[in-house]
C-alpha atoms as a PDB file:
ATOM      1  CA  MET A   1      21.334 -42.643  84.758  1.00  0.00           C
ATOM      2  CA  ARG A   2      23.354 -42.370  81.561  1.00  0.00           C
ATOM      3  CA  VAL A   3      22.917 -39.887  78.739  1.00  0.00           C
ATOM      4  CA  THR A   4      23.114 -41.037  75.154  1.00  0.00           C
ATOM      5  CA  THR A   5      22.844 -39.124  71.916  1.00  0.00           C
ATOM      6  CA  ARG A   6      20.621 -40.721  69.335  1.00  0.00           C
ATOM      7  CA  ILE A   7      19.565 -39.299  66.014  1.00  0.00           C
ATOM      8  CA  ASN A   8      15.825 -38.757  65.855  1.00  0.00           C
ATOM      9  CA  LEU A   9      14.630 -40.183  62.567  1.00  0.00           C
ATOM     10  CA  ALA A  10      11.192 -38.599  63.003  1.00  0.00           C
ATOM     11  CA  THR A  11      12.538 -35.044  62.728  1.00  0.00           C
ATOM     12  CA  PRO A  12      12.108 -33.162  59.426  1.00  0.00           C
ATOM     13  CA  SER A  13      14.792 -33.585  56.797  1.00  0.00           C
ATOM     14  CA  ASP A  14      16.721 -30.623  55.404  1.00  0.00           C
ATOM     15  CA  ARG A  15      18.394 -30.334  52.022  1.00  0.00           C
ATOM     16  CA  TRP A  16      22.170 -30.464  52.171  1.00  0.00           C
ATOM     17  CA  LEU A  17      23.097 -30.987  48.505  1.00  0.00           C
ATOM     18  CA  TRP A  18      20.520 -30.725  45.747  1.00  0.00           C
ATOM     19  CA  GLN A  19      20.538 -32.315  42.274  1.00  0.00           C
ATOM     20  CA  LYS A  20      24.293 -32.283  41.782  1.00  0.00           C
ATOM     21  CA  SER A  21      25.862 -33.631  38.577  1.00  0.00           C
ATOM     22  CA  THR A  22      29.494 -33.536  39.674  1.00  0.00           C
ATOM     23  CA  LEU A  23      30.248 -37.265  39.950  1.00  0.00           C
ATOM     24  CA  LYS A  24      32.700 -38.694  37.433  1.00  0.00           C
ATOM     25  CA  GLU A  25      30.410 -41.444  36.122  1.00  0.00           C
ATOM     26  CA  PRO A  26      26.862 -40.875  34.755  1.00  0.00           C
ATOM     27  CA  THR A  27      25.490 -43.533  37.126  1.00  0.00           C
ATOM     28  CA  VAL A  28      23.775 -43.215  40.520  1.00  0.00           C
ATOM     29  CA  LEU A  29      25.697 -42.760  43.745  1.00  0.00           C
ATOM     30  CA  GLN A  30      25.754 -45.979  45.782  1.00  0.00           C
ATOM     31  CA  SER A  31      27.176 -44.808  49.104  1.00  0.00           C
ATOM     32  CA  PHE A  32      29.065 -41.927  50.677  1.00  0.00           C
ATOM     33  CA  ALA A  33      31.005 -41.044  53.820  1.00  0.00           C
ATOM     34  CA  PHE A  34      32.590 -37.984  55.435  1.00  0.00           C
ATOM     35  CA  ASP A  35      36.286 -37.278  55.967  1.00  0.00           C
ATOM     36  CA  GLU A  36      35.705 -34.730  58.722  1.00  0.00           C
ATOM     37  CA  ALA A  37      39.376 -33.907  59.265  1.00  0.00           C
ATOM     38  CA  ASN A  38      39.833 -32.749  55.678  1.00  0.00           C
ATOM     39  CA  LYS A  39      36.245 -31.695  54.876  1.00  0.00           C
ATOM     40  CA  HIS A  40      35.962 -34.183  52.041  1.00  0.00           C
ATOM     41  CA  LEU A  41      32.970 -36.240  50.973  1.00  0.00           C
ATOM     42  CA  TYR A  42      33.747 -39.606  49.384  1.00  0.00           C
ATOM     43  CA  VAL A  43      31.138 -41.091  47.037  1.00  0.00           C
ATOM     44  CA  LEU A  44      31.098 -44.536  45.425  1.00  0.00           C
ATOM     45  CA  GLN A  45      29.464 -45.351  42.087  1.00  0.00           C
ATOM     46  CA  VAL A  46      29.285 -48.495  39.986  1.00  0.00           C
ATOM     47  CA  THR A  47      30.773 -47.583  36.620  1.00  0.00           C
ATOM     48  CA  ALA A  48      28.530 -47.372  33.573  1.00  0.00           C
ATOM     49  CA  THR A  49      29.758 -50.730  32.236  1.00  0.00           C
ATOM     50  CA  GLY A  50      30.964 -52.361  35.426  1.00  0.00           C
ATOM     51  CA  HIS A  51      27.947 -53.824  37.227  1.00  0.00           C
ATOM     52  CA  ALA A  52      28.689 -57.497  36.565  1.00  0.00           C
ATOM     53  CA  ALA A  53      32.412 -57.108  37.243  1.00  0.00           C
ATOM     54  CA  GLY A  54      32.009 -54.967  40.344  1.00  0.00           C
ATOM     55  CA  ASP A  55      33.927 -51.986  38.947  1.00  0.00           C
ATOM     56  CA  LEU A  56      33.586 -48.856  41.081  1.00  0.00           C
ATOM     57  CA  CYS A  57      34.419 -45.186  40.750  1.00  0.00           C
ATOM     58  CA  LEU A  58      35.410 -43.399  43.962  1.00  0.00           C
ATOM     59  CA  ASN A  59      34.801 -39.640  43.899  1.00  0.00           C
ATOM     60  CA  ARG A  60      36.360 -37.154  46.299  1.00  0.00           C
ATOM     61  CA  LEU A  61      34.183 -34.052  46.690  1.00  0.00           C
ATOM     62  CA  HIS A  62      34.244 -30.783  48.560  1.00  0.00           C
ATOM     63  CA  TYR A  63      31.348 -30.388  50.988  1.00  0.00           C
ATOM     64  CA  ASP A  64      29.631 -28.129  48.433  1.00  0.00           C
ATOM     65  CA  GLY A  65      29.590 -31.021  45.955  1.00  0.00           C
ATOM     66  CA  THR A  66      32.500 -29.877  43.784  1.00  0.00           C
ATOM     67  CA  ARG A  67      34.534 -32.829  42.554  1.00  0.00           C
ATOM     68  CA  LEU A  68      38.168 -32.759  43.707  1.00  0.00           C
ATOM     69  CA  GLY A  69      39.286 -36.013  42.125  1.00  0.00           C
ATOM     70  CA  HIS A  70      38.412 -39.640  41.455  1.00  0.00           C
ATOM     71  CA  MET A  71      39.905 -43.120  41.206  1.00  0.00           C
ATOM     72  CA  TYR A  72      38.732 -46.466  39.832  1.00  0.00           C
ATOM     73  CA  LEU A  73      38.416 -49.722  41.767  1.00  0.00           C
ATOM     74  CA  LYS A  74      38.303 -52.711  39.408  1.00  0.00           C
ATOM     75  CA  GLY A  75      36.499 -55.818  40.640  1.00  0.00           C
ATOM     76  CA  PHE A  76      35.707 -54.437  44.095  1.00  0.00           C
ATOM     77  CA  GLY A  77      31.913 -54.763  44.331  1.00  0.00           C
ATOM     78  CA  HIS A  78      28.664 -52.809  44.378  1.00  0.00           C
ATOM     79  CA  GLY A  79      29.630 -49.995  46.762  1.00  0.00           C
ATOM     80  CA  VAL A  80      26.797 -50.577  49.235  1.00  0.00           C
ATOM     81  CA  SER A  81      28.760 -48.831  52.013  1.00  0.00           C
ATOM     82  CA  ILE A  82      32.035 -47.032  52.638  1.00  0.00           C
ATOM     83  CA  GLY A  83      34.055 -46.322  55.776  1.00  0.00           C
ATOM     84  CA  ILE A  84      36.492 -43.507  56.578  1.00  0.00           C
ATOM     85  CA  GLN A  85      39.264 -44.018  59.142  1.00  0.00           C
ATOM     86  CA  GLN A  86      41.631 -41.309  60.402  1.00  0.00           C
ATOM     87  CA  ASP A  87      45.050 -42.747  61.239  1.00  0.00           C
ATOM     88  CA  ALA A  88      45.975 -41.644  64.765  1.00  0.00           C
ATOM     89  CA  GLU A  89      49.703 -41.761  64.039  1.00  0.00           C
ATOM     90  CA  ASP A  90      50.110 -39.888  60.771  1.00  0.00           C
ATOM     91  CA  GLY A  91      46.664 -38.341  60.301  1.00  0.00           C
ATOM     92  CA  ARG A  92      46.186 -39.914  56.868  1.00  0.00           C
ATOM     93  CA  THR A  93      42.774 -41.055  55.693  1.00  0.00           C
ATOM     94  CA  TRP A  94      42.067 -44.730  55.106  1.00  0.00           C
ATOM     95  CA  ILE A  95      39.088 -45.608  52.913  1.00  0.00           C
ATOM     96  CA  TRP A  96      37.336 -48.918  53.598  1.00  0.00           C
ATOM     97  CA  THR A  97      35.268 -50.593  50.869  1.00  0.00           C
ATOM     98  CA  GLU A  98      34.118 -54.022  49.834  1.00  0.00           C
ATOM     99  CA  ALA A  99      36.512 -55.968  47.579  1.00  0.00           C
ATOM    100  CA  ASP A 100      36.933 -59.322  45.807  1.00  0.00           C
ATOM    101  CA  ALA A 101      33.770 -59.021  43.696  1.00  0.00           C
ATOM    102  CA  LYS A 102      31.701 -62.028  42.713  1.00  0.00           C
ATOM    103  CA  ASN A 103      28.424 -61.516  40.832  1.00  0.00           C
ATOM    104  CA  GLY A 104      28.974 -57.783  41.286  1.00  0.00           C
ATOM    105  CA  TYR A 105      29.311 -57.788  45.107  1.00  0.00           C
ATOM    106  CA  GLY A 106      32.446 -57.791  47.247  1.00  0.00           C
ATOM    107  CA  GLN A 107      33.118 -61.003  49.153  1.00  0.00           C
ATOM    108  CA  GLY A 108      35.719 -59.351  51.385  1.00  0.00           C
ATOM    109  CA  ILE A 109      36.779 -55.862  52.407  1.00  0.00           C
ATOM    110  CA  THR A 110      39.898 -53.737  52.143  1.00  0.00           C
ATOM    111  CA  ARG A 111      41.323 -50.323  52.950  1.00  0.00           C
ATOM    112  CA  PHE A 112      43.544 -47.976  50.949  1.00  0.00           C
ATOM    113  CA  HIS A 113      44.547 -44.342  50.538  1.00  0.00           C
ATOM    114  CA  PHE A 114      42.949 -42.106  47.924  1.00  0.00           C
ATOM    115  CA  SER A 115      45.094 -41.380  44.860  1.00  0.00           C
ATOM    116  CA  ASP A 116      43.605 -39.067  42.256  1.00  0.00           C
ATOM    117  CA  GLY A 117      43.382 -40.676  38.833  1.00  0.00           C
ATOM    118  CA  ALA A 118      44.628 -44.063  40.008  1.00  0.00           C
ATOM    119  CA  VAL A 119      43.189 -47.438  39.048  1.00  0.00           C
ATOM    120  CA  ARG A 120      43.292 -50.181  41.686  1.00  0.00           C
ATOM    121  CA  THR A 121      42.668 -53.897  41.298  1.00  0.00           C
ATOM    122  CA  GLY A 122      42.247 -56.543  43.953  1.00  0.00           C
ATOM    123  CA  ALA A 123      45.841 -57.630  43.403  1.00  0.00           C
ATOM    124  CA  GLN A 124      47.038 -54.174  44.513  1.00  0.00           C
ATOM    125  CA  VAL A 125      45.323 -54.113  47.915  1.00  0.00           C
ATOM    126  CA  ASN A 126      45.233 -56.370  50.957  1.00  0.00           C
ATOM    127  CA  ILE A 127      41.825 -58.049  50.994  1.00  0.00           C
ATOM    128  CA  ARG A 128      40.357 -59.334  54.258  1.00  0.00           C
ATOM    129  CA  HIS A 129      37.746 -62.043  54.742  1.00  0.00           C
ATOM    130  CA  PRO A 130      36.924 -61.557  58.441  1.00  0.00           C
ATOM    131  CA  ILE A 131      33.780 -63.719  58.575  1.00  0.00           C
ATOM    132  CA  ALA A 132      34.315 -67.303  57.482  1.00  0.00           C
ATOM    133  CA  GLY A 133      31.656 -68.605  55.123  1.00  0.00           C
ATOM    134  CA  SER A 134      30.058 -65.186  54.573  1.00  0.00           C
ATOM    135  CA  ILE A 135      29.316 -63.387  51.310  1.00  0.00           C
ATOM    136  CA  ASN A 136      28.662 -59.770  50.300  1.00  0.00           C
ATOM    137  CA  ASN A 137      30.796 -58.020  52.935  1.00  0.00           C
ATOM    138  CA  GLN A 138      30.244 -54.245  53.300  1.00  0.00           C
ATOM    139  CA  PRO A 139      32.106 -52.033  55.844  1.00  0.00           C
ATOM    140  CA  SER A 140      31.274 -48.926  57.874  1.00  0.00           C
ATOM    141  CA  VAL A 141      33.586 -47.117  60.333  1.00  0.00           C
ATOM    142  CA  CYS A 142      32.664 -45.069  63.411  1.00  0.00           C
ATOM    143  CA  MET A 143      35.609 -42.972  64.600  1.00  0.00           C
ATOM    144  CA  ALA A 144      33.592 -41.694  67.606  1.00  0.00           C
ATOM    145  CA  SER A 145      33.602 -45.205  69.103  1.00  0.00           C
ATOM    146  CA  GLU A 146      36.652 -46.447  67.158  1.00  0.00           C
ATOM    147  CA  ARG A 147      34.735 -49.416  65.823  1.00  0.00           C
ATOM    148  CA  ILE A 148      34.117 -50.991  62.448  1.00  0.00           C
ATOM    149  CA  ALA A 149      31.006 -52.839  61.272  1.00  0.00           C
ATOM    150  CA  VAL A 150      30.652 -55.285  58.420  1.00  0.00           C
ATOM    151  CA  ARG A 151      27.276 -56.075  56.913  1.00  0.00           C
ATOM    152  CA  TYR A 152      27.332 -59.571  55.444  1.00  0.00           C
ATOM    153  CA  ARG A 153      25.202 -62.522  54.428  1.00  0.00           C
ATOM    154  CA  ASP A 154      25.545 -65.802  56.269  1.00  0.00           C
ATOM    155  CA  ALA A 155      25.480 -69.332  54.874  1.00  0.00           C
ATOM    156  CA  ALA A 156      21.682 -69.161  54.671  1.00  0.00           C
ATOM    157  CA  ASN A 157      21.879 -65.865  52.725  1.00  0.00           C
ATOM    158  CA  ARG A 158      20.494 -63.846  55.648  1.00  0.00           C
ATOM    159  CA  PRO A 159      21.837 -60.295  56.139  1.00  0.00           C
ATOM    160  CA  ARG A 160      23.628 -59.636  59.438  1.00  0.00           C
ATOM    161  CA  TYR A 161      25.968 -57.114  61.061  1.00  0.00           C
ATOM    162  CA  ARG A 162      29.177 -57.787  62.960  1.00  0.00           C
ATOM    163  CA  VAL A 163      31.017 -55.053  64.903  1.00  0.00           C
ATOM    164  CA  TRP A 164      34.642 -55.008  66.124  1.00  0.00           C
ATOM    165  CA  ASP A 165      37.054 -52.724  67.919  1.00  0.00           C
ATOM    166  CA  LEU A 166      38.804 -50.941  65.044  1.00  0.00           C
ATOM    167  CA  ASP A 167      42.371 -51.387  66.281  1.00  0.00           C
ATOM    168  CA  ARG A 168      41.891 -55.116  66.784  1.00  0.00           C
ATOM    169  CA  PHE A 169      40.290 -55.430  63.379  1.00  0.00           C
ATOM    170  CA  VAL A 170      43.181 -53.593  61.706  1.00  0.00           C
ATOM    171  CA  ALA A 171      45.517 -56.043  63.458  1.00  0.00           C
ATOM    172  CA  ARG A 172      43.445 -58.871  61.904  1.00  0.00           C
ATOM    173  CA  ASP A 173      42.133 -60.036  65.260  1.00  0.00           C
ATOM    174  CA  TYR A 174      38.571 -61.031  64.364  1.00  0.00           C
ATOM    175  CA  ALA A 175      38.010 -63.530  67.186  1.00  0.00           C
ATOM    176  CA  ASP A 176      36.138 -61.356  69.678  1.00  0.00           C
ATOM    177  CA  PRO A 177      33.619 -59.015  67.999  1.00  0.00           C
ATOM    178  CA  VAL A 178      31.735 -56.399  70.007  1.00  0.00           C
ATOM    179  CA  ALA A 179      28.417 -57.513  68.508  1.00  0.00           C
ATOM    180  CA  ASP A 180      26.852 -59.782  65.902  1.00  0.00           C
ATOM    181  CA  PHE A 181      23.153 -59.485  65.098  1.00  0.00           C
ATOM    182  CA  ALA A 182      20.613 -59.906  62.323  1.00  0.00           C
ATOM    183  CA  GLN A 183      19.674 -57.033  60.074  1.00  0.00           C
ATOM    184  CA  THR A 184      16.108 -56.164  60.981  1.00  0.00           C
ATOM    185  CA  GLY A 185      13.485 -53.516  60.386  1.00  0.00           C
ATOM    186  CA  ALA A 186      14.987 -51.745  57.380  1.00  0.00           C
ATOM    187  CA  HIS A 187      11.583 -51.569  55.656  1.00  0.00           C
ATOM    188  CA  PRO A 188       8.040 -52.779  56.407  1.00  0.00           C
ATOM    189  CA  ASP A 189       8.081 -54.575  53.044  1.00  0.00           C
ATOM    190  CA  ALA A 190      10.880 -57.149  53.032  1.00  0.00           C
ATOM    191  CA  LYS A 191      10.974 -57.120  49.217  1.00  0.00           C
ATOM    192  CA  VAL A 192      11.996 -53.452  49.043  1.00  0.00           C
ATOM    193  CA  PRO A 193      15.739 -52.977  48.376  1.00  0.00           C
ATOM    194  CA  PHE A 194      18.238 -52.207  51.109  1.00  0.00           C
ATOM    195  CA  GLN A 195      20.129 -49.039  50.158  1.00  0.00           C
ATOM    196  CA  GLY A 196      22.851 -48.404  52.724  1.00  0.00           C
ATOM    197  CA  TYR A 197      23.852 -48.153  56.369  1.00  0.00           C
ATOM    198  CA  ALA A 198      26.285 -46.536  58.786  1.00  0.00           C
ATOM    199  CA  LEU A 199      27.581 -47.420  62.240  1.00  0.00           C
ATOM    200  CA  TYR A 200      27.521 -44.626  64.828  1.00  0.00           C
ATOM    201  CA  ARG A 201      28.322 -45.366  68.474  1.00  0.00           C
ATOM    202  CA  THR A 202      25.734 -47.900  69.701  1.00  0.00           C
ATOM    203  CA  CYS A 203      23.468 -47.743  66.648  1.00  0.00           C
ATOM    204  CA  VAL A 204      23.370 -48.886  63.071  1.00  0.00           C
ATOM    205  CA  TYR A 205      21.354 -46.537  60.865  1.00  0.00           C
ATOM    206  CA  GLN A 206      19.756 -48.014  57.734  1.00  0.00           C
ATOM    207  CA  LEU A 207      18.191 -46.838  54.474  1.00  0.00           C
ATOM    208  CA  ALA A 208      15.745 -48.787  52.312  1.00  0.00           C
ATOM    209  CA  GLY A 209      13.416 -47.981  49.428  1.00  0.00           C
ATOM    210  CA  SER A 210      13.011 -48.125  45.686  1.00  0.00           C
ATOM    211  CA  ALA A 211      12.860 -45.714  42.780  1.00  0.00           C
ATOM    212  CA  TYR A 212       9.577 -44.287  41.609  1.00  0.00           C
ATOM    213  CA  GLU A 213       7.587 -46.709  39.479  1.00  0.00           C
ATOM    214  CA  ALA A 214       4.121 -45.967  38.149  1.00  0.00           C
ATOM    215  CA  LYS A 215       2.360 -49.057  39.531  1.00  0.00           C
ATOM    216  CA  THR A 216       4.305 -50.171  42.596  1.00  0.00           C
ATOM    217  CA  ASN A 217       5.796 -46.911  43.894  1.00  0.00           C
ATOM    218  CA  PRO A 218       4.108 -43.917  42.218  1.00  0.00           C
ATOM    219  CA  ALA A 219       5.582 -40.442  42.538  1.00  0.00           C
ATOM    220  CA  ALA A 220       2.175 -39.079  43.559  1.00  0.00           C
ATOM    221  CA  GLU A 221       2.464 -41.013  46.834  1.00  0.00           C
ATOM    222  CA  HIS A 222       5.949 -39.580  47.525  1.00  0.00           C
ATOM    223  CA  GLY A 223       7.758 -42.890  47.579  1.00  0.00           C
ATOM    224  CA  ASN A 224       8.433 -45.773  49.952  1.00  0.00           C
ATOM    225  CA  THR A 225      11.801 -44.699  51.434  1.00  0.00           C
ATOM    226  CA  HIS A 226      12.376 -45.538  55.101  1.00  0.00           C
ATOM    227  CA  VAL A 227      15.213 -44.759  57.498  1.00  0.00           C
ATOM    228  CA  SER A 228      15.697 -46.899  60.603  1.00  0.00           C
ATOM    229  CA  SER A 229      18.024 -47.594  63.516  1.00  0.00           C
ATOM    230  CA  ILE A 230      19.126 -50.741  65.351  1.00  0.00           C
ATOM    231  CA  ASP A 231      20.681 -50.983  68.811  1.00  0.00           C
ATOM    232  CA  ILE A 232      23.918 -52.953  68.422  1.00  0.00           C
ATOM    233  CA  THR A 233      23.825 -54.134  72.058  1.00  0.00           C
ATOM    234  CA  THR A 234      20.467 -55.886  71.660  1.00  0.00           C
ATOM    235  CA  GLY A 235      20.039 -56.189  67.911  1.00  0.00           C
ATOM    236  CA  GLY A 236      16.575 -54.680  68.331  1.00  0.00           C
ATOM    237  CA  LEU A 237      14.882 -52.153  66.084  1.00  0.00           C
ATOM    238  CA  LEU A 238      14.841 -48.734  67.776  1.00  0.00           C
ATOM    239  CA  GLN A 239      13.041 -46.578  65.242  1.00  0.00           C
ATOM    240  CA  ARG A 240      11.794 -46.663  61.669  1.00  0.00           C
ATOM    241  CA  GLU A 241      10.336 -43.717  59.802  1.00  0.00           C
ATOM    242  CA  ARG A 242       9.120 -43.135  56.269  1.00  0.00           C
ATOM    243  CA  THR A 243      10.579 -40.024  54.660  1.00  0.00           C
ATOM    244  CA  GLU A 244       9.162 -37.891  51.866  1.00  0.00           C
ATOM    245  CA  ALA A 245      12.375 -35.886  51.547  1.00  0.00           C
ATOM    246  CA  GLY A 246      13.068 -34.957  47.944  1.00  0.00           C
ATOM    247  CA  HIS A 247       9.676 -36.240  46.801  1.00  0.00           C
ATOM    248  CA  SER A 248       9.670 -33.852  43.813  1.00  0.00           C
ATOM    249  CA  LEU A 249      12.751 -35.522  42.316  1.00  0.00           C
ATOM    250  CA  VAL A 250      12.434 -37.375  39.024  1.00  0.00           C
ATOM    251  CA  TYR A 251      13.178 -41.099  39.493  1.00  0.00           C
ATOM    252  CA  ARG A 252      14.083 -40.598  43.226  1.00  0.00           C
ATOM    253  CA  GLU A 253      15.917 -43.733  44.286  1.00  0.00           C
ATOM    254  CA  PRO A 254      17.348 -43.727  47.838  1.00  0.00           C
ATOM    255  CA  GLU A 255      21.086 -44.401  47.757  1.00  0.00           C
ATOM    256  CA  GLY A 256      23.562 -44.265  50.627  1.00  0.00           C
ATOM    257  CA  LEU A 257      23.547 -43.198  54.273  1.00  0.00           C
ATOM    258  CA  ALA A 258      26.255 -41.643  56.461  1.00  0.00           C
ATOM    259  CA  VAL A 259      26.601 -40.094  59.916  1.00  0.00           C
ATOM    260  CA  ARG A 260      28.582 -37.054  61.051  1.00  0.00           C
ATOM    261  CA  GLY A 261      29.457 -37.052  64.746  1.00  0.00           C
ATOM    262  CA  GLY A 262      30.496 -34.344  67.172  1.00  0.00           C
ATOM    263  CA  SER A 263      28.339 -32.432  69.642  1.00  0.00           C
ATOM    264  CA  ASN A 264      25.365 -32.522  67.257  1.00  0.00           C
ATOM    265  CA  PRO A 265      25.375 -35.863  65.395  1.00  0.00           C
ATOM    266  CA  GLN A 266      23.508 -35.938  62.105  1.00  0.00           C
ATOM    267  CA  VAL A 267      22.381 -38.659  59.736  1.00  0.00           C
ATOM    268  CA  TYR A 268      22.595 -37.984  56.005  1.00  0.00           C
ATOM    269  CA  PHE A 269      20.910 -39.975  53.264  1.00  0.00           C
ATOM    270  CA  GLY A 270      21.053 -39.689  49.504  1.00  0.00           C
ATOM    271  CA  PHE A 271      18.788 -39.880  46.474  1.00  0.00           C
ATOM    272  CA  ALA A 272      19.585 -40.471  42.833  1.00  0.00           C
ATOM    273  CA  SER A 273      17.491 -38.581  40.305  1.00  0.00           C
ATOM    274  CA  GLY A 274      17.407 -37.690  36.628  1.00  0.00           C
ATOM    275  CA  GLN A 275      17.417 -39.761  33.485  1.00  0.00           C
ATOM    276  CA  LEU A 276      19.319 -42.971  32.791  1.00  0.00           C
ATOM    277  CA  GLY A 277      22.861 -42.117  31.742  1.00  0.00           C
ATOM    278  CA  ALA A 278      22.702 -38.648  33.288  1.00  0.00           C
ATOM    279  CA  ARG A 279      21.914 -39.228  36.946  1.00  0.00           C
ATOM    280  CA  ARG A 280      22.139 -36.525  39.588  1.00  0.00           C
ATOM    281  CA  PHE A 281      22.370 -36.856  43.358  1.00  0.00           C
ATOM    282  CA  SER A 282      20.855 -35.072  46.348  1.00  0.00           C
ATOM    283  CA  ILE A 283      21.629 -35.484  50.048  1.00  0.00           C
ATOM    284  CA  PHE A 284      19.365 -34.714  53.004  1.00  0.00           C
ATOM    285  CA  VAL A 285      20.146 -34.458  56.721  1.00  0.00           C
ATOM    286  CA  LYS A 286      18.398 -35.164  60.042  1.00  0.00           C
ATOM    287  CA  GLU A 287      19.540 -33.726  63.386  1.00  0.00           C
ATOM    288  CA  ALA A 288      20.210 -35.571  66.670  1.00  0.00           C
ATOM    289  CA  ARG A 289      18.369 -35.685  69.961  1.00  0.00           C
ATOM    290  CA  THR A 290      19.866 -36.125  73.392  1.00  0.00           C
ATOM    291  CA  ARG A 291      17.963 -38.016  76.016  1.00  0.00           C
ATOM    292  CA  ALA A 292      18.516 -39.580  79.407  1.00  0.00           C
ATOM    293  CA  GLU A 293      18.180 -43.326  79.756  1.00  0.00           C
ATOM    294  CA  PRO A 294      17.994 -45.363  82.962  1.00  0.00           C
END
């Protein structure tokens, strides 16, 4: 019998950050990830005028939401996901994002170090295209398993995940992935937008849902946001739960999902709120469960 730790998506959600307005741009957050070694939270936004070009703002925050710096990424993508890698040799933090934007979404991925106030273009980073013929590549890193995942769309425009050993991926050895499977089960309504994901050990955790809208997603019904998990060994849906977390928020669009590991793994997911041009963000958290499996 083996024991695995899996985050129970049916448990209640707790507030972690609430209606913060500390991001550099007035737009919604798109994704976020934790730098556990330095207690930093990195948050990606599309800039106010950069949707078509794929211009992003990367915020570095304290865990209380205070902004500690920012940098701009010109022509990188939509910021659907972000990965944080701790370098085993020098302890520096690598940030993984999509890159090489086309129609607002990154067609490859890259990694770089944070530099407060800097502006980066695609010409200033090393862009990877690890999946031939794919589009819309979006990375996530799990340091607990030392793996990296890339969400992508195949030649038929179907969303999939591919997972590699992180060291081999860094060495540009893409030939033998750990897993490759279709994205499934993010939402019971396939037309509802996908809003983020994170790789953690043997699971991919997903977020899907849309902002409040009077006819299709009224605030009185507390929204259509769902969180879900997929087993990377089988590609099968493990769990999917609707969440009413933050239902009192104005606008309430789900945006971004991340996992913190350790002895008590937790999944975090975000919401944008507020008025256009003055968005705020909130983040909620769910605890883990440990169970024995045959």
